[in-house]
Amino acid sequence: MIEAIHGVINAISGFLYQPYIVPLFLVAAGLYFTVRTGLLQIRLFGESIKVVSEKPKDKKSVSSFGALMVSTASRVGTGNIIGVSTAICLGGFGAIFWMWITAILGGASAFIESTLAQIYKHKDPDGSYYGGPSYYMQNALKQRWLGVIFAVILILTYVVGYNMLASFNTQDTFKTFSFYDKTTTPIVIGAILAVLFAACVLGGGKRLTNITGVLVPVMGLLYIIVSLIVVIMNITTLPLVLKNIFVAAFDFKAIFGGFAGSCMMWGIKRGLYSNEAGMGSAPNAAASADVSHPVKQGLVQMLSVFIDTLLVCTATAMMCMCANPEGLVAEAAGAAYVQQSMHMALGNFGPIFIAVAMSLFAFTTLIGNYYYTEGCLKFILKRTPSKTFMLIFRLIATALVFVGALLSAGIVWDTADMLQGCMVIINVPVIIIIAKPALAALKDYMAQRKEGKNPVFRSSNIGLEGKTECWED
């Protein structure tokens, strides 16, 4: 039964990642928004760092930094370790270049979708904000049915696809240790993750932002420091690694001769899994932030993409390829290549560090992923779900975390790839169609900055009087 289901999932995933579907959508949208925003990824990079520190007007609201940590918690996860390993073992050195391209171009897409989420966000009676792609599909595109479909797919992507994958990747990391037993270890690790996950989600959304706000920066900084140490220890191999990345990335004969297994496809696929730019996930966190101007949160989410891929994914890639440039074989794809590389660089400490890092990454990924789903439930039901409904939903989500640890690599990766691809083919065309308000908001923001003001947004600034809930005069 599971094999039959996997066969269907694999077929759909293979279709979606043909060069003219998901890869084309991502690259074309990224190029389009890069041009329309005047290369804001570079032009406003410094501004994106500056606006992260803005405090909300209401202390009970989510800050820019809080929204950044939730989205980064989802982005920075097991994909930054296992996903990178899979990409370079199956796609070769060149996959890293195409990861970088996905992130650089995706930064513009992330800006547009998150700015739109801010413009069309809603406010709860308790003063908190919520929104996301489903809401701008309803309010800007006037297609509630599409918003409902997207909300359902997003819930499936994060509760089923990504959270099961995070759980599997975590237990897979422990395979290199002598105590690992293929029957009992996945059960034990799955149970531990499920219990920790339940303890957090049963505490509500605010607890999630508190937890991720502490764990994400500490965990990410420590991981990057260790990665730099490994690269410095193997600095003589770095020039050859960089050369191999660029040579392989531009071997177009090999790429288009077999696109499904090429460095371009693996770089785009795993880059998307890691940074999620254009998928429509981060806008759900972006909408929750209390800021004076929508563009501020758009810039913050653009920064999150760069943190994820250009910083953390690159740290993993350089650390592994510098320490173990000969280990890129298909059989090592996943935890095995990373663990082998770290053992070569740091001895017995290396695999232990990766196992600890993976556990922390998985934990923040699980709760960051879950954060996105509650707003989607509210959209589908047109009301705040009852406590009983949410309890059942959270228990199901917890059970799926446990189940994920017990499944095979093929089915969890293919499920996640299929579902994220479905999100892309819905969200990307929508943000291209309704991008005008986000571009107008950017123009308004820059005009106010030029005047030396701290930009404050009103819907009337861009001709949306009466069409937004939170930005009226």
Protein backbone atom coordinates (compact mmCIF):
# COMPACT_ATOMS: atom_id res chain seq x y z
CA MET A 1 0.00 0.00 0.00
CA ILE A 2 2.73 2.44 1.01
CA GLU A 3 4.72 1.49 -2.10
CA ALA A 4 1.72 2.24 -4.33
CA ILE A 5 1.18 5.62 -2.67
CA HIS A 6 4.89 6.41 -3.02
CA GLY A 7 4.72 5.55 -6.71
CA VAL A 8 1.95 8.09 -7.29
CA ILE A 9 3.72 10.77 -5.22
CA ASN A 10 7.00 10.18 -7.05
CA ALA A 11 5.29 10.47 -10.45
CA ILE A 12 3.60 13.77 -9.54
CA SER A 13 6.83 15.15 -8.06
CA GLY A 14 8.79 14.16 -11.17
CA PHE A 15 6.25 15.97 -13.36
CA LEU A 16 6.31 19.16 -11.28
CA TYR A 17 10.10 19.44 -11.45
CA GLN A 18 10.29 19.30 -15.22
CA PRO A 19 12.33 22.36 -16.32
CA TYR A 20 9.27 24.20 -17.63
CA ILE A 21 7.18 23.97 -14.43
CA VAL A 22 8.49 24.63 -10.88
CA PRO A 23 12.07 25.58 -11.87
CA LEU A 24 10.80 27.95 -14.58
CA PHE A 25 8.22 29.49 -12.24
CA LEU A 26 10.83 30.22 -9.57
CA VAL A 27 13.56 31.57 -11.82
CA ALA A 28 11.22 33.61 -14.03
CA ALA A 29 9.42 35.17 -11.06
CA GLY A 30 12.71 35.93 -9.33
CA LEU A 31 14.12 37.63 -12.43
CA TYR A 32 10.91 39.57 -13.01
CA PHE A 33 10.72 40.90 -9.45
CA THR A 34 14.45 41.62 -9.35
CA VAL A 35 14.04 43.90 -12.36
CA ARG A 36 10.76 45.47 -11.16
CA THR A 37 12.21 46.28 -7.73
CA GLY A 38 15.46 47.67 -9.10
CA LEU A 39 17.68 44.91 -7.69
CA LEU A 40 16.49 45.57 -4.15
CA GLN A 41 18.33 42.46 -2.90
CA ILE A 42 21.55 44.47 -3.15
CA ARG A 43 20.22 48.01 -3.09
CA LEU A 44 18.29 47.60 0.17
CA PHE A 45 20.27 44.86 1.89
CA GLY A 46 21.53 47.29 4.55
CA GLU A 47 18.00 48.60 5.07
CA SER A 48 16.73 45.03 5.64
CA ILE A 49 19.16 44.62 8.53
CA LYS A 50 18.16 47.99 10.00
CA VAL A 51 14.40 47.37 10.07
CA VAL A 52 14.73 44.04 11.91
CA SER A 53 15.18 45.90 15.20
CA GLU A 54 11.93 47.88 14.98
CA LYS A 55 9.74 47.43 18.06
CA PRO A 56 5.96 46.87 17.76
CA LYS A 57 3.56 49.55 19.00
CA ASP A 58 1.80 46.98 21.17
CA LYS A 59 4.07 44.92 23.43
CA LYS A 60 1.71 41.97 23.00
CA SER A 61 2.17 42.01 19.20
CA VAL A 62 4.80 40.10 17.24
CA SER A 63 7.85 42.21 16.40
CA SER A 64 9.74 42.27 13.11
CA PHE A 65 12.44 40.22 14.79
CA GLY A 66 9.87 37.75 16.12
CA ALA A 67 8.38 37.23 12.65
CA LEU A 68 11.90 36.87 11.24
CA MET A 69 12.71 34.17 13.80
CA VAL A 70 9.51 32.21 13.07
CA SER A 71 10.13 32.24 9.31
CA THR A 72 13.83 31.55 9.80
CA ALA A 73 12.99 28.69 12.18
CA SER A 74 11.02 27.09 9.37
CA ARG A 75 13.62 27.88 6.72
CA VAL A 76 16.73 27.09 8.75
CA GLY A 77 16.27 23.44 9.56
CA THR A 78 17.21 19.95 8.53
CA GLY A 79 17.26 21.03 4.89
CA ASN A 80 20.30 23.18 5.60
CA ILE A 81 22.25 20.05 6.50
CA ILE A 82 20.61 16.99 4.94
CA GLY A 83 19.09 18.89 1.99
CA VAL A 84 22.48 20.36 1.06
CA SER A 85 24.12 16.96 1.36
CA THR A 86 21.46 15.41 -0.89
CA ALA A 87 21.85 18.16 -3.49
CA ILE A 88 25.62 17.89 -3.83
CA CYS A 89 25.77 14.07 -3.62
CA LEU A 90 23.08 13.62 -6.29
CA GLY A 91 23.65 16.78 -8.34
CA GLY A 92 27.36 17.43 -7.87
CA PHE A 93 29.33 20.54 -6.94
CA GLY A 94 27.32 22.76 -9.31
CA ALA A 95 24.14 22.29 -7.27
CA ILE A 96 25.47 24.81 -4.75
CA PHE A 97 25.68 27.54 -7.41
CA TRP A 98 22.05 26.98 -8.38
CA MET A 99 21.09 27.07 -4.69
CA TRP A 100 22.71 30.51 -4.54
CA ILE A 101 20.83 31.66 -7.64
CA THR A 102 17.55 30.39 -6.20
CA ALA A 103 18.19 32.41 -3.03
CA ILE A 104 19.36 35.63 -4.71
CA LEU A 105 16.47 35.73 -7.15
CA GLY A 106 14.10 34.32 -4.54
CA GLY A 107 14.86 37.22 -2.25
CA ALA A 108 12.88 39.50 -4.57
CA SER A 109 9.95 37.05 -4.68
CA ALA A 110 10.04 36.75 -0.88
CA PHE A 111 9.88 40.55 -0.63
CA ILE A 112 6.82 40.79 -2.86
CA GLU A 113 4.81 37.98 -1.25
CA SER A 114 5.55 39.16 2.31
CA THR A 115 4.77 42.80 1.52
CA LEU A 116 1.46 41.71 0.01
CA ALA A 117 0.72 39.67 3.15
CA GLN A 118 1.29 42.77 5.28
CA ILE A 119 -0.90 44.99 3.08
CA TYR A 120 -3.83 42.56 3.20
CA LYS A 121 -3.42 41.31 6.79
CA HIS A 122 -6.24 41.19 9.36
CA LYS A 123 -6.44 42.04 13.05
CA ASP A 124 -7.79 39.83 15.82
CA PRO A 125 -9.82 41.29 18.71
CA ASP A 126 -6.83 40.61 21.00
CA GLY A 127 -4.70 42.99 18.89
CA SER A 128 -2.63 40.37 17.08
CA TYR A 129 -2.36 40.21 13.31
CA TYR A 130 -2.74 37.35 10.85
CA GLY A 131 -2.78 36.82 7.10
CA GLY A 132 -0.87 35.22 4.25
CA PRO A 133 -1.34 34.12 0.63
CA SER A 134 -4.87 32.82 1.16
CA TYR A 135 -5.92 36.27 2.33
CA TYR A 136 -4.34 38.17 -0.56
CA MET A 137 -5.84 35.65 -2.98
CA GLN A 138 -9.22 36.47 -1.47
CA ASN A 139 -8.84 40.23 -1.00
CA ALA A 140 -6.66 41.26 -3.94
CA LEU A 141 -7.39 38.56 -6.50
CA LYS A 142 -11.03 38.11 -5.36
CA GLN A 143 -10.72 34.32 -5.56
CA ARG A 144 -11.53 32.86 -2.15
CA TRP A 145 -11.80 29.34 -3.57
CA LEU A 146 -8.15 29.51 -4.65
CA GLY A 147 -7.19 30.74 -1.20
CA VAL A 148 -8.92 27.72 0.35
CA ILE A 149 -7.10 25.31 -1.96
CA PHE A 150 -3.80 26.97 -1.16
CA ALA A 151 -4.50 26.86 2.58
CA VAL A 152 -5.23 23.12 2.41
CA ILE A 153 -2.03 22.45 0.45
CA LEU A 154 0.02 24.57 2.85
CA ILE A 155 -1.31 22.64 5.85
CA LEU A 156 -0.48 19.35 4.12
CA THR A 157 2.98 20.62 3.15
CA TYR A 158 3.98 21.61 6.65
CA VAL A 159 2.12 19.21 8.92
CA VAL A 160 2.55 16.17 6.65
CA GLY A 161 5.43 16.84 4.24
CA TYR A 162 7.96 19.00 6.04
CA ASN A 163 7.38 17.85 9.61
CA MET A 164 7.56 14.17 8.73
CA LEU A 165 10.73 14.89 6.77
CA ALA A 166 12.31 16.82 9.65
CA SER A 167 11.57 13.91 11.97
CA PHE A 168 13.01 11.36 9.53
CA ASN A 169 16.16 13.41 8.90
CA THR A 170 16.79 13.69 12.62
CA GLN A 171 16.68 9.98 13.30
CA ASP A 172 18.68 9.33 10.12
CA THR A 173 21.53 11.41 11.53
CA PHE A 174 22.05 8.86 14.31
CA LYS A 175 22.71 5.96 11.92
CA THR A 176 26.46 6.46 12.19
CA PHE A 177 26.47 5.72 15.94
CA SER A 178 27.00 2.21 17.27
CA PHE A 179 23.88 2.31 19.46
CA TYR A 180 21.60 2.84 16.43
CA ASP A 181 19.09 0.06 15.88
CA LYS A 182 16.95 0.33 12.75
CA THR A 183 13.90 -0.98 14.59
CA THR A 184 13.97 0.78 17.96
CA THR A 185 15.99 3.99 17.43
CA PRO A 186 13.53 5.63 14.99
CA ILE A 187 10.71 4.89 17.44
CA VAL A 188 12.59 6.43 20.37
CA ILE A 189 13.69 9.55 18.47
CA GLY A 190 10.27 9.97 16.88
CA ALA A 191 8.62 9.73 20.30
CA ILE A 192 11.00 12.29 21.85
CA LEU A 193 10.42 14.77 19.01
CA ALA A 194 6.65 14.23 19.19
CA VAL A 195 6.56 14.89 22.95
CA LEU A 196 8.66 18.06 22.66
CA PHE A 197 6.57 19.24 19.72
CA ALA A 198 3.32 18.65 21.61
CA ALA A 199 4.61 20.54 24.65
CA CYS A 200 5.21 23.60 22.47
CA VAL A 201 2.18 23.65 20.20
CA LEU A 202 -0.26 23.07 23.02
CA GLY A 203 1.08 26.31 24.50
CA GLY A 204 -0.10 28.39 21.51
CA GLY A 205 1.51 30.65 18.90
CA LYS A 206 3.08 33.17 21.26
CA ARG A 207 5.11 30.46 22.93
CA LEU A 208 6.40 29.44 19.53
CA THR A 209 7.82 32.89 18.81
CA ASN A 210 9.41 33.01 22.28
CA ILE A 211 11.13 29.65 21.80
CA THR A 212 12.35 30.28 18.26
CA GLY A 213 13.51 33.79 19.17
CA VAL A 214 16.07 32.25 21.54
CA LEU A 215 17.03 29.01 19.78
CA VAL A 216 17.36 30.14 16.16
CA PRO A 217 20.08 32.81 16.51
CA VAL A 218 22.12 30.83 19.07
CA MET A 219 21.91 27.60 17.12
CA GLY A 220 22.64 29.24 13.77
CA LEU A 221 25.65 31.22 15.07
CA LEU A 222 27.23 28.18 16.71
CA TYR A 223 26.76 26.10 13.57
CA ILE A 224 28.38 28.76 11.35
CA ILE A 225 31.35 29.12 13.75
CA VAL A 226 32.06 25.37 13.66
CA SER A 227 31.67 25.38 9.86
CA LEU A 228 34.22 28.19 9.55
CA ILE A 229 36.66 26.29 11.77
CA VAL A 230 36.39 23.24 9.51
CA VAL A 231 36.87 25.33 6.35
CA ILE A 232 39.93 27.06 7.84
CA MET A 233 41.38 23.67 8.81
CA ASN A 234 41.02 22.62 5.15
CA ILE A 235 41.65 26.00 3.54
CA THR A 236 44.01 24.57 0.91
CA THR A 237 41.12 22.70 -0.74
CA LEU A 238 38.83 25.76 -0.90
CA PRO A 239 40.07 27.14 -4.28
CA LEU A 240 39.51 23.76 -5.95
CA VAL A 241 36.05 23.44 -4.38
CA LEU A 242 35.02 26.89 -5.66
CA LYS A 243 36.41 26.08 -9.12
CA ASN A 244 34.46 22.81 -9.25
CA ILE A 245 31.23 24.58 -8.22
CA PHE A 246 31.37 27.08 -11.09
CA VAL A 247 32.67 24.66 -13.72
CA ALA A 248 29.93 22.12 -12.97
CA ALA A 249 27.23 24.80 -12.73
CA PHE A 250 27.81 25.89 -16.32
CA ASP A 251 28.08 22.45 -17.88
CA PHE A 252 24.83 23.01 -19.77
CA LYS A 253 25.32 19.95 -22.01
CA ALA A 254 25.22 17.72 -18.94
CA ILE A 255 22.41 19.72 -17.33
CA PHE A 256 19.98 19.60 -20.23
CA GLY A 257 21.07 16.14 -21.29
CA GLY A 258 19.52 14.77 -18.12
CA PHE A 259 17.73 17.58 -16.29
CA ALA A 260 16.03 15.39 -13.67
CA GLY A 261 19.38 14.42 -12.15
CA SER A 262 21.30 17.60 -12.97
CA CYS A 263 22.98 20.04 -10.60
CA MET A 264 20.51 22.73 -11.68
CA MET A 265 17.46 20.68 -10.75
CA TRP A 266 18.89 19.51 -7.42
CA GLY A 267 20.08 23.01 -6.58
CA ILE A 268 16.68 24.53 -7.32
CA LYS A 269 14.72 21.74 -5.62
CA ARG A 270 16.77 21.69 -2.43
CA GLY A 271 17.20 25.48 -2.49
CA LEU A 272 13.41 25.83 -2.52
CA TYR A 273 13.05 23.28 0.29
CA SER A 274 15.54 25.26 2.34
CA ASN A 275 14.63 28.93 1.75
CA GLU A 276 10.97 28.58 0.63
CA ALA A 277 11.11 31.82 -1.39
CA GLY A 278 8.03 32.14 -3.61
CA MET A 279 6.20 29.25 -1.98
CA GLY A 280 3.87 31.42 0.08
CA SER A 281 4.91 30.09 3.48
CA ALA A 282 6.83 32.96 5.08
CA PRO A 283 4.06 35.51 4.30
CA ASN A 284 2.02 33.82 7.03
CA ALA A 285 4.68 34.84 9.56
CA ALA A 286 5.23 38.21 7.87
CA ALA A 287 1.56 39.12 8.26
CA SER A 288 1.76 38.64 12.03
CA ALA A 289 4.33 41.40 12.53
CA ASP A 290 3.33 44.80 13.90
CA VAL A 291 5.22 47.30 11.73
CA SER A 292 4.64 50.85 10.55
CA HIS A 293 5.02 49.98 6.86
CA PRO A 294 4.47 46.71 4.93
CA VAL A 295 7.77 47.08 3.08
CA LYS A 296 9.66 46.69 6.34
CA GLN A 297 8.47 43.12 6.76
CA GLY A 298 9.06 42.43 3.08
CA LEU A 299 12.70 43.41 3.58
CA VAL A 300 12.94 41.32 6.74
CA GLN A 301 11.71 38.20 4.93
CA MET A 302 14.12 38.87 2.07
CA LEU A 303 16.88 38.86 4.69
CA SER A 304 15.61 35.55 6.06
CA VAL A 305 16.13 33.93 2.64
CA PHE A 306 19.73 35.13 2.59
CA ILE A 307 20.39 33.93 6.14
CA ASP A 308 19.08 30.52 5.24
CA THR A 309 20.77 29.81 1.93
CA LEU A 310 23.67 32.20 1.43
CA LEU A 311 24.83 31.77 5.01
CA VAL A 312 23.74 28.48 6.60
CA CYS A 313 23.47 26.28 3.48
CA THR A 314 26.77 27.64 2.19
CA ALA A 315 28.35 26.90 5.57
CA THR A 316 27.26 23.25 5.29
CA ALA A 317 28.41 22.94 1.68
CA MET A 318 31.85 24.47 2.23
CA MET A 319 32.41 22.57 5.45
CA CYS A 320 31.65 19.22 3.81
CA MET A 321 33.26 19.77 0.41
CA CYS A 322 36.48 21.20 1.86
CA ALA A 323 36.85 18.38 4.38
CA ASN A 324 35.69 15.59 2.08
CA PRO A 325 35.74 16.56 -1.62
CA GLU A 326 35.96 12.93 -2.73
CA GLY A 327 32.90 11.79 -0.77
CA LEU A 328 30.23 13.09 -3.16
CA VAL A 329 28.63 9.79 -4.12
CA ALA A 330 24.93 9.03 -4.45
CA GLU A 331 25.07 6.37 -1.74
CA ALA A 332 26.14 8.98 0.83
CA ALA A 333 23.30 11.42 0.06
CA GLY A 334 21.75 12.65 3.28
CA ALA A 335 23.20 12.40 6.76
CA ALA A 336 25.95 9.95 5.77
CA TYR A 337 28.01 12.44 3.74
CA VAL A 338 27.78 15.16 6.39
CA GLN A 339 28.69 12.79 9.21
CA GLN A 340 31.58 11.31 7.24
CA SER A 341 32.92 14.78 6.40
CA MET A 342 32.68 15.99 9.98
CA HIS A 343 34.41 12.87 11.29
CA MET A 344 37.29 13.45 8.88
CA ALA A 345 37.60 17.06 10.05
CA LEU A 346 36.92 16.87 13.79
CA GLY A 347 37.19 13.22 14.72
CA ASN A 348 34.55 11.72 17.00
CA PHE A 349 33.32 15.19 17.99
CA GLY A 350 32.15 15.91 14.43
CA PRO A 351 29.30 13.40 14.16
CA ILE A 352 28.17 14.23 17.71
CA PHE A 353 28.02 17.94 16.86
CA ILE A 354 26.00 17.27 13.70
CA ALA A 355 23.57 15.04 15.61
CA VAL A 356 23.04 17.77 18.23
CA ALA A 357 22.71 20.48 15.55
CA MET A 358 20.24 18.37 13.60
CA SER A 359 18.15 17.79 16.71
CA LEU A 360 17.98 21.51 17.46
CA PHE A 361 17.35 22.41 13.81
CA ALA A 362 14.59 19.81 13.63
CA PHE A 363 12.94 21.08 16.80
CA THR A 364 12.75 24.71 15.65
CA THR A 365 11.71 23.57 12.16
CA LEU A 366 8.82 21.53 13.58
CA ILE A 367 7.38 24.40 15.59
CA GLY A 368 8.15 27.01 12.93
CA ASN A 369 6.35 24.90 10.34
CA TYR A 370 3.35 24.39 12.58
CA TYR A 371 3.03 28.14 13.18
CA TYR A 372 1.93 28.65 9.57
CA THR A 373 -0.99 26.27 9.73
CA GLU A 374 -3.25 27.89 12.33
CA GLY A 375 -3.90 30.99 10.22
CA CYS A 376 -4.82 28.75 7.30
CA LEU A 377 -7.33 26.87 9.43
CA LYS A 378 -8.90 30.17 10.43
CA PHE A 379 -9.17 31.15 6.77
CA ILE A 380 -10.78 27.87 5.68
CA LEU A 381 -13.34 27.88 8.51
CA LYS A 382 -13.97 31.66 8.38
CA ARG A 383 -13.59 31.79 12.15
CA THR A 384 -11.22 30.96 14.95
CA PRO A 385 -11.31 27.16 15.38
CA SER A 386 -12.75 25.87 18.63
CA LYS A 387 -10.45 24.64 21.39
CA THR A 388 -11.62 21.07 20.81
CA PHE A 389 -10.90 21.29 17.07
CA MET A 390 -7.42 22.71 17.70
CA LEU A 391 -6.64 20.07 20.28
CA ILE A 392 -7.49 17.32 17.79
CA PHE A 393 -5.52 19.05 15.03
CA ARG A 394 -2.47 19.43 17.27
CA LEU A 395 -2.63 15.81 18.34
CA ILE A 396 -2.78 14.71 14.68
CA ALA A 397 0.20 16.96 13.90
CA THR A 398 2.06 15.39 16.82
CA ALA A 399 1.28 11.88 15.60
CA LEU A 400 2.65 12.74 12.14
CA VAL A 401 5.93 13.89 13.69
CA PHE A 402 6.24 10.44 15.25
CA VAL A 403 5.26 8.61 12.05
CA GLY A 404 7.79 10.54 9.97
CA ALA A 405 10.68 9.01 11.88
CA LEU A 406 9.51 5.52 10.90
CA LEU A 407 9.16 6.01 7.13
CA SER A 408 11.71 5.66 4.32
CA ALA A 409 13.84 8.45 2.86
CA GLY A 410 12.18 8.14 -0.55
CA ILE A 411 8.61 8.67 0.53
CA VAL A 412 9.28 11.57 2.93
CA TRP A 413 11.47 13.48 0.47
CA ASP A 414 9.15 12.91 -2.48
CA THR A 415 6.09 13.92 -0.45
CA ALA A 416 7.73 17.17 0.65
CA ASP A 417 8.94 17.93 -2.89
CA MET A 418 5.50 17.26 -4.40
CA LEU A 419 3.62 19.43 -1.90
CA GLN A 420 6.05 22.36 -2.01
CA GLY A 421 5.87 22.25 -5.80
CA CYS A 422 2.08 22.53 -5.63
CA MET A 423 2.42 25.62 -3.43
CA VAL A 424 4.79 27.23 -5.94
CA ILE A 425 2.56 26.73 -8.99
CA ILE A 426 -0.34 28.40 -7.17
CA ASN A 427 1.44 31.22 -5.33
CA VAL A 428 3.94 32.43 -7.95
CA PRO A 429 1.40 33.27 -10.70
CA VAL A 430 -0.78 35.01 -8.10
CA ILE A 431 1.97 37.31 -6.81
CA ILE A 432 2.95 38.19 -10.37
CA ILE A 433 -0.67 39.14 -11.15
CA ILE A 434 -1.24 41.21 -7.98
CA ALA A 435 2.27 42.59 -7.49
CA LYS A 436 1.27 46.20 -8.21
CA PRO A 437 0.34 47.14 -4.58
CA ALA A 438 3.65 45.74 -3.28
CA LEU A 439 5.62 47.67 -5.90
CA ALA A 440 3.64 50.82 -5.13
CA ALA A 441 4.29 50.33 -1.42
CA LEU A 442 8.02 50.06 -2.14
CA LYS A 443 7.91 53.33 -4.07
CA ASP A 444 6.04 54.99 -1.19
CA TYR A 445 8.54 53.62 1.33
CA MET A 446 11.54 54.91 -0.61
CA ALA A 447 9.94 58.35 -1.06
CA GLN A 448 9.43 58.68 2.70
CA ARG A 449 12.97 57.46 3.41
CA LYS A 450 14.32 60.04 0.98
CA GLU A 451 12.52 62.71 2.99
CA GLY A 452 14.24 61.48 6.13
CA LYS A 453 11.08 60.01 7.66
CA ASN A 454 10.45 56.73 9.42
CA PRO A 455 8.01 55.39 6.78
CA VAL A 456 4.39 55.05 7.88
CA PHE A 457 1.90 53.41 5.55
CA ARG A 458 -1.69 54.30 4.76
CA SER A 459 -3.79 52.50 2.17
CA SER A 460 -4.56 55.84 0.55
CA ASN A 461 -0.84 56.25 -0.21
CA ILE A 462 -1.16 53.71 -3.03
CA GLY A 463 -4.82 54.03 -3.96
CA LEU A 464 -6.23 51.19 -1.86
CA GLU A 465 -8.65 53.22 0.25
CA GLY A 466 -11.26 50.95 1.81
CA LYS A 467 -9.57 47.80 0.48
CA THR A 468 -7.43 46.92 3.49
CA GLU A 469 -8.36 46.23 7.10
CA CYS A 470 -5.31 47.49 8.97
CA TRP A 471 -4.00 50.44 6.94
CA GLU A 472 -6.93 52.83 6.62
CA ASP A 473 -6.55 56.48 7.60
